[in-house]
Amino acid sequence: MLRHLLGLGLAVCLAAAIFLGGGWAVAKMLRLAAGNTSLTSISGLSALGILLLAGLFLGVLLVAPVSPLSTALPGLVMLAWTALLGLNAALAGRLIPLRHEQIGAGIHSMLVSGVLVVLGAAMIIPAFIPSRWRSAGRGDDDGYGDGTPRVPAQTRLLS
């Protein structure tokens, strides 16, 4: 239970990193592209750095042994937001936080370009792996209970 509460907190942090950091960085990159400025400038490198940090945080949460809620909840929000874009584009645009700021422009760009749907689909995949929902401390899953380890079933996959 504590694992899932921690996963809920990490989901909020991940959503903030993607929406605030990613939105700002994408808007900054779009502004640099409109002004014919290279990404190797200080502004471009800072935007790339923020995107890399958000991606690193996401990558760690995808493989870390934490609750799958940490990536599934923001992923479901992204998928639902994209579905809402298909049904009612005006409402989806009004729901963008800070939509009159630079961050909102970046989020809108990620939404209409399809980045959020691809990212959301990748983020919900760990929720479908059953071992991610079990805690790592269970002793009855690795043996017969008397200290004898289980022998894995023989397959021909590696031969």
C-alpha atoms as a PDB file:
ATOM      1  CA  MET A   1       0.000   0.000   0.000  1.00  0.00           C
ATOM      2  CA  LEU A   2       2.836   2.372   0.844  1.00  0.00           C
ATOM      3  CA  ARG A   3       4.431   1.541  -2.502  1.00  0.00           C
ATOM      4  CA  HIS A   4       1.328   2.700  -4.324  1.00  0.00           C
ATOM      5  CA  LEU A   5       1.097   5.916  -2.285  1.00  0.00           C
ATOM      6  CA  LEU A   6       4.715   6.610  -3.212  1.00  0.00           C
ATOM      7  CA  GLY A   7       3.799   5.824  -6.820  1.00  0.00           C
ATOM      8  CA  LEU A   8       0.972   8.350  -6.648  1.00  0.00           C
ATOM      9  CA  GLY A   9       3.398  11.019  -5.431  1.00  0.00           C
ATOM     10  CA  LEU A  10       5.867  10.138  -8.161  1.00  0.00           C
ATOM     11  CA  ALA A  11       3.038  10.334 -10.726  1.00  0.00           C
ATOM     12  CA  VAL A  12       2.365  13.927  -9.706  1.00  0.00           C
ATOM     13  CA  CYS A  13       6.086  14.733  -9.950  1.00  0.00           C
ATOM     14  CA  LEU A  14       6.352  13.063 -13.362  1.00  0.00           C
ATOM     15  CA  ALA A  15       3.298  14.895 -14.675  1.00  0.00           C
ATOM     16  CA  ALA A  16       4.800  18.184 -13.509  1.00  0.00           C
ATOM     17  CA  ALA A  17       8.134  17.360 -15.140  1.00  0.00           C
ATOM     18  CA  ILE A  18       6.509  16.469 -18.452  1.00  0.00           C
ATOM     19  CA  PHE A  19       3.952  19.254 -18.584  1.00  0.00           C
ATOM     20  CA  LEU A  20       5.949  22.103 -17.064  1.00  0.00           C
ATOM     21  CA  GLY A  21       9.471  21.164 -18.115  1.00  0.00           C
ATOM     22  CA  GLY A  22       8.528  19.588 -21.415  1.00  0.00           C
ATOM     23  CA  GLY A  23       6.037  22.323 -22.260  1.00  0.00           C
ATOM     24  CA  TRP A  24       8.577  25.056 -21.571  1.00  0.00           C
ATOM     25  CA  ALA A  25      11.346  23.289 -23.514  1.00  0.00           C
ATOM     26  CA  VAL A  26       9.175  22.576 -26.559  1.00  0.00           C
ATOM     27  CA  ALA A  27       7.909  26.160 -26.641  1.00  0.00           C
ATOM     28  CA  LYS A  28      11.478  27.423 -26.349  1.00  0.00           C
ATOM     29  CA  MET A  29      12.596  25.184 -29.215  1.00  0.00           C
ATOM     30  CA  LEU A  30       9.701  26.321 -31.388  1.00  0.00           C
ATOM     31  CA  ARG A  31      10.567  29.943 -30.701  1.00  0.00           C
ATOM     32  CA  LEU A  32      14.212  29.277 -31.558  1.00  0.00           C
ATOM     33  CA  ALA A  33      13.195  27.571 -34.804  1.00  0.00           C
ATOM     34  CA  ALA A  34      10.934  30.491 -35.726  1.00  0.00           C
ATOM     35  CA  GLY A  35      13.815  32.892 -35.159  1.00  0.00           C
ATOM     36  CA  ASN A  36      16.304  30.759 -37.146  1.00  0.00           C
ATOM     37  CA  THR A  37      18.423  30.259 -34.041  1.00  0.00           C
ATOM     38  CA  SER A  38      20.432  27.088 -33.607  1.00  0.00           C
ATOM     39  CA  LEU A  39      19.824  24.621 -30.800  1.00  0.00           C
ATOM     40  CA  THR A  40      23.517  24.894 -29.968  1.00  0.00           C
ATOM     41  CA  SER A  41      22.897  28.335 -28.457  1.00  0.00           C
ATOM     42  CA  ILE A  42      22.611  28.666 -24.699  1.00  0.00           C
ATOM     43  CA  SER A  43      18.797  28.839 -24.924  1.00  0.00           C
ATOM     44  CA  GLY A  44      18.650  25.774 -27.165  1.00  0.00           C
ATOM     45  CA  LEU A  45      20.970  23.753 -24.963  1.00  0.00           C
ATOM     46  CA  SER A  46      19.006  24.659 -21.853  1.00  0.00           C
ATOM     47  CA  ALA A  47      15.780  23.498 -23.548  1.00  0.00           C
ATOM     48  CA  LEU A  48      17.449  20.254 -24.615  1.00  0.00           C
ATOM     49  CA  GLY A  49      18.778  19.769 -21.094  1.00  0.00           C
ATOM     50  CA  ILE A  50      15.329  20.173 -19.549  1.00  0.00           C
ATOM     51  CA  LEU A  51      13.879  17.666 -22.035  1.00  0.00           C
ATOM     52  CA  LEU A  52      16.692  15.228 -21.279  1.00  0.00           C
ATOM     53  CA  LEU A  53      16.098  15.525 -17.532  1.00  0.00           C
ATOM     54  CA  ALA A  54      12.366  14.922 -17.940  1.00  0.00           C
ATOM     55  CA  GLY A  55      13.100  11.937 -20.188  1.00  0.00           C
ATOM     56  CA  LEU A  56      15.634  10.561 -17.719  1.00  0.00           C
ATOM     57  CA  PHE A  57      13.117  10.842 -14.889  1.00  0.00           C
ATOM     58  CA  LEU A  58      10.530   9.038 -17.007  1.00  0.00           C
ATOM     59  CA  GLY A  59      13.019   6.330 -17.974  1.00  0.00           C
ATOM     60  CA  VAL A  60      13.995   5.697 -14.372  1.00  0.00           C
ATOM     61  CA  LEU A  61      10.347   5.379 -13.338  1.00  0.00           C
ATOM     62  CA  LEU A  62       9.623   3.002 -16.218  1.00  0.00           C
ATOM     63  CA  VAL A  63      12.250   0.498 -15.067  1.00  0.00           C
ATOM     64  CA  ALA A  64      12.466   1.138 -11.310  1.00  0.00           C
ATOM     65  CA  PRO A  65      10.722  -1.302  -8.979  1.00  0.00           C
ATOM     66  CA  VAL A  66       8.113   1.241  -7.865  1.00  0.00           C
ATOM     67  CA  SER A  67       4.369   1.128  -8.291  1.00  0.00           C
ATOM     68  CA  PRO A  68       3.198   1.165 -11.914  1.00  0.00           C
ATOM     69  CA  LEU A  69       0.887   4.007 -10.904  1.00  0.00           C
ATOM     70  CA  SER A  70       3.866   6.354 -11.156  1.00  0.00           C
ATOM     71  CA  THR A  71       3.816   6.164 -14.949  1.00  0.00           C
ATOM     72  CA  ALA A  72       0.316   4.861 -15.666  1.00  0.00           C
ATOM     73  CA  LEU A  73      -1.622   7.784 -14.198  1.00  0.00           C
ATOM     74  CA  PRO A  74       0.115  10.548 -16.188  1.00  0.00           C
ATOM     75  CA  GLY A  75       0.013   8.284 -19.248  1.00  0.00           C
ATOM     76  CA  LEU A  76      -3.741   7.825 -18.921  1.00  0.00           C
ATOM     77  CA  VAL A  77      -4.186  11.585 -18.589  1.00  0.00           C
ATOM     78  CA  MET A  78      -2.219  12.091 -21.804  1.00  0.00           C
ATOM     79  CA  LEU A  79      -4.263   9.473 -23.657  1.00  0.00           C
ATOM     80  CA  ALA A  80      -7.548  10.891 -22.382  1.00  0.00           C
ATOM     81  CA  TRP A  81      -6.486  14.409 -23.307  1.00  0.00           C
ATOM     82  CA  THR A  82      -5.647  13.297 -26.834  1.00  0.00           C
ATOM     83  CA  ALA A  83      -8.976  11.481 -27.129  1.00  0.00           C
ATOM     84  CA  LEU A  84     -10.688  14.677 -26.001  1.00  0.00           C
ATOM     85  CA  LEU A  85      -8.778  16.541 -28.706  1.00  0.00           C
ATOM     86  CA  GLY A  86     -10.331  14.216 -31.269  1.00  0.00           C
ATOM     87  CA  LEU A  87     -13.824  14.715 -29.850  1.00  0.00           C
ATOM     88  CA  ASN A  88     -13.783  18.399 -28.935  1.00  0.00           C
ATOM     89  CA  ALA A  89     -10.654  20.342 -29.868  1.00  0.00           C
ATOM     90  CA  ALA A  90     -11.854  23.578 -28.305  1.00  0.00           C
ATOM     91  CA  LEU A  91     -12.413  21.962 -24.913  1.00  0.00           C
ATOM     92  CA  ALA A  92      -9.060  20.175 -25.062  1.00  0.00           C
ATOM     93  CA  GLY A  93      -7.381  23.517 -25.764  1.00  0.00           C
ATOM     94  CA  ARG A  94      -9.208  25.231 -22.887  1.00  0.00           C
ATOM     95  CA  LEU A  95      -8.053  22.523 -20.452  1.00  0.00           C
ATOM     96  CA  ILE A  96      -4.367  23.263 -21.079  1.00  0.00           C
ATOM     97  CA  PRO A  97      -2.888  24.670 -17.871  1.00  0.00           C
ATOM     98  CA  LEU A  98      -1.166  28.049 -18.285  1.00  0.00           C
ATOM     99  CA  ARG A  99      -2.418  28.189 -21.865  1.00  0.00           C
ATOM    100  CA  HIS A 100      -1.651  31.898 -22.195  1.00  0.00           C
ATOM    101  CA  GLU A 101       1.958  31.383 -21.131  1.00  0.00           C
ATOM    102  CA  GLN A 102       4.943  29.915 -22.939  1.00  0.00           C
ATOM    103  CA  ILE A 103       4.442  26.560 -21.197  1.00  0.00           C
ATOM    104  CA  GLY A 104       0.881  26.294 -22.493  1.00  0.00           C
ATOM    105  CA  ALA A 105       2.056  26.847 -26.058  1.00  0.00           C
ATOM    106  CA  GLY A 106       4.510  23.976 -25.702  1.00  0.00           C
ATOM    107  CA  ILE A 107       1.873  21.655 -24.236  1.00  0.00           C
ATOM    108  CA  HIS A 108      -0.524  22.588 -27.039  1.00  0.00           C
ATOM    109  CA  SER A 109       2.166  21.828 -29.602  1.00  0.00           C
ATOM    110  CA  MET A 110       2.851  18.418 -28.036  1.00  0.00           C
ATOM    111  CA  LEU A 111      -0.881  17.710 -27.919  1.00  0.00           C
ATOM    112  CA  VAL A 112      -1.721  18.514 -31.528  1.00  0.00           C
ATOM    113  CA  SER A 113       1.440  16.930 -32.931  1.00  0.00           C
ATOM    114  CA  GLY A 114       0.681  13.561 -31.332  1.00  0.00           C
ATOM    115  CA  VAL A 115       3.648  13.472 -28.966  1.00  0.00           C
ATOM    116  CA  LEU A 116       1.401  13.134 -25.919  1.00  0.00           C
ATOM    117  CA  VAL A 117      -0.472  10.118 -27.302  1.00  0.00           C
ATOM    118  CA  VAL A 118       2.756   8.254 -28.106  1.00  0.00           C
ATOM    119  CA  LEU A 119       4.276   9.153 -24.748  1.00  0.00           C
ATOM    120  CA  GLY A 120       1.081   8.200 -22.915  1.00  0.00           C
ATOM    121  CA  ALA A 121       0.892   4.834 -24.656  1.00  0.00           C
ATOM    122  CA  ALA A 122       4.484   4.078 -23.713  1.00  0.00           C
ATOM    123  CA  MET A 123       3.869   5.118 -20.119  1.00  0.00           C
ATOM    124  CA  ILE A 124       0.936   2.780 -19.459  1.00  0.00           C
ATOM    125  CA  ILE A 125       2.771  -0.359 -20.626  1.00  0.00           C
ATOM    126  CA  PRO A 126       4.274  -1.123 -17.159  1.00  0.00           C
ATOM    127  CA  ALA A 127       0.749  -1.260 -15.725  1.00  0.00           C
ATOM    128  CA  PHE A 128       0.093  -4.407 -17.775  1.00  0.00           C
ATOM    129  CA  ILE A 129       3.039  -6.330 -16.338  1.00  0.00           C
ATOM    130  CA  PRO A 130       1.681  -8.353 -13.388  1.00  0.00           C
ATOM    131  CA  SER A 131       4.979  -8.524 -11.513  1.00  0.00           C
ATOM    132  CA  ARG A 132       5.017  -4.724 -11.219  1.00  0.00           C
ATOM    133  CA  TRP A 133       1.928  -4.855  -8.980  1.00  0.00           C
ATOM    134  CA  ARG A 134       3.477  -7.283  -6.478  1.00  0.00           C
ATOM    135  CA  SER A 135       5.969  -6.179  -3.892  1.00  0.00           C
ATOM    136  CA  ALA A 136       9.500  -7.530  -4.122  1.00  0.00           C
ATOM    137  CA  GLY A 137       9.547  -8.795  -0.527  1.00  0.00           C
ATOM    138  CA  ARG A 138       7.351 -11.865  -0.920  1.00  0.00           C
ATOM    139  CA  GLY A 139       9.229 -14.989   0.050  1.00  0.00           C
ATOM    140  CA  ASP A 140       6.757 -17.595  -1.180  1.00  0.00           C
ATOM    141  CA  ASP A 141       7.239 -16.721  -4.832  1.00  0.00           C
ATOM    142  CA  ASP A 142      10.872 -17.804  -5.041  1.00  0.00           C
ATOM    143  CA  GLY A 143      10.733 -21.304  -3.615  1.00  0.00           C
ATOM    144  CA  TYR A 144       8.682 -24.125  -2.138  1.00  0.00           C
ATOM    145  CA  GLY A 145       8.575 -22.655   1.378  1.00  0.00           C
ATOM    146  CA  ASP A 146      11.125 -25.041   2.926  1.00  0.00           C
ATOM    147  CA  GLY A 147      14.182 -23.225   1.583  1.00  0.00           C
ATOM    148  CA  THR A 148      14.382 -25.259  -1.636  1.00  0.00           C
ATOM    149  CA  PRO A 149      14.439 -22.978  -4.654  1.00  0.00           C
ATOM    150  CA  ARG A 150      12.148 -23.672  -7.570  1.00  0.00           C
ATOM    151  CA  VAL A 151      13.700 -24.958 -10.737  1.00  0.00           C
ATOM    152  CA  PRO A 152      12.450 -23.048 -13.757  1.00  0.00           C
ATOM    153  CA  ALA A 153      10.610 -25.051 -16.400  1.00  0.00           C
ATOM    154  CA  GLN A 154      12.728 -26.130 -19.329  1.00  0.00           C
ATOM    155  CA  THR A 155      11.984 -24.366 -22.583  1.00  0.00           C
ATOM    156  CA  ARG A 156      13.557 -24.451 -25.991  1.00  0.00           C
ATOM    157  CA  LEU A 157      13.658 -20.664 -26.333  1.00  0.00           C
ATOM    158  CA  LEU A 158      17.397 -20.363 -25.811  1.00  0.00           C
ATOM    159  CA  SER A 159      18.578 -23.528 -27.532  1.00  0.00           C
END
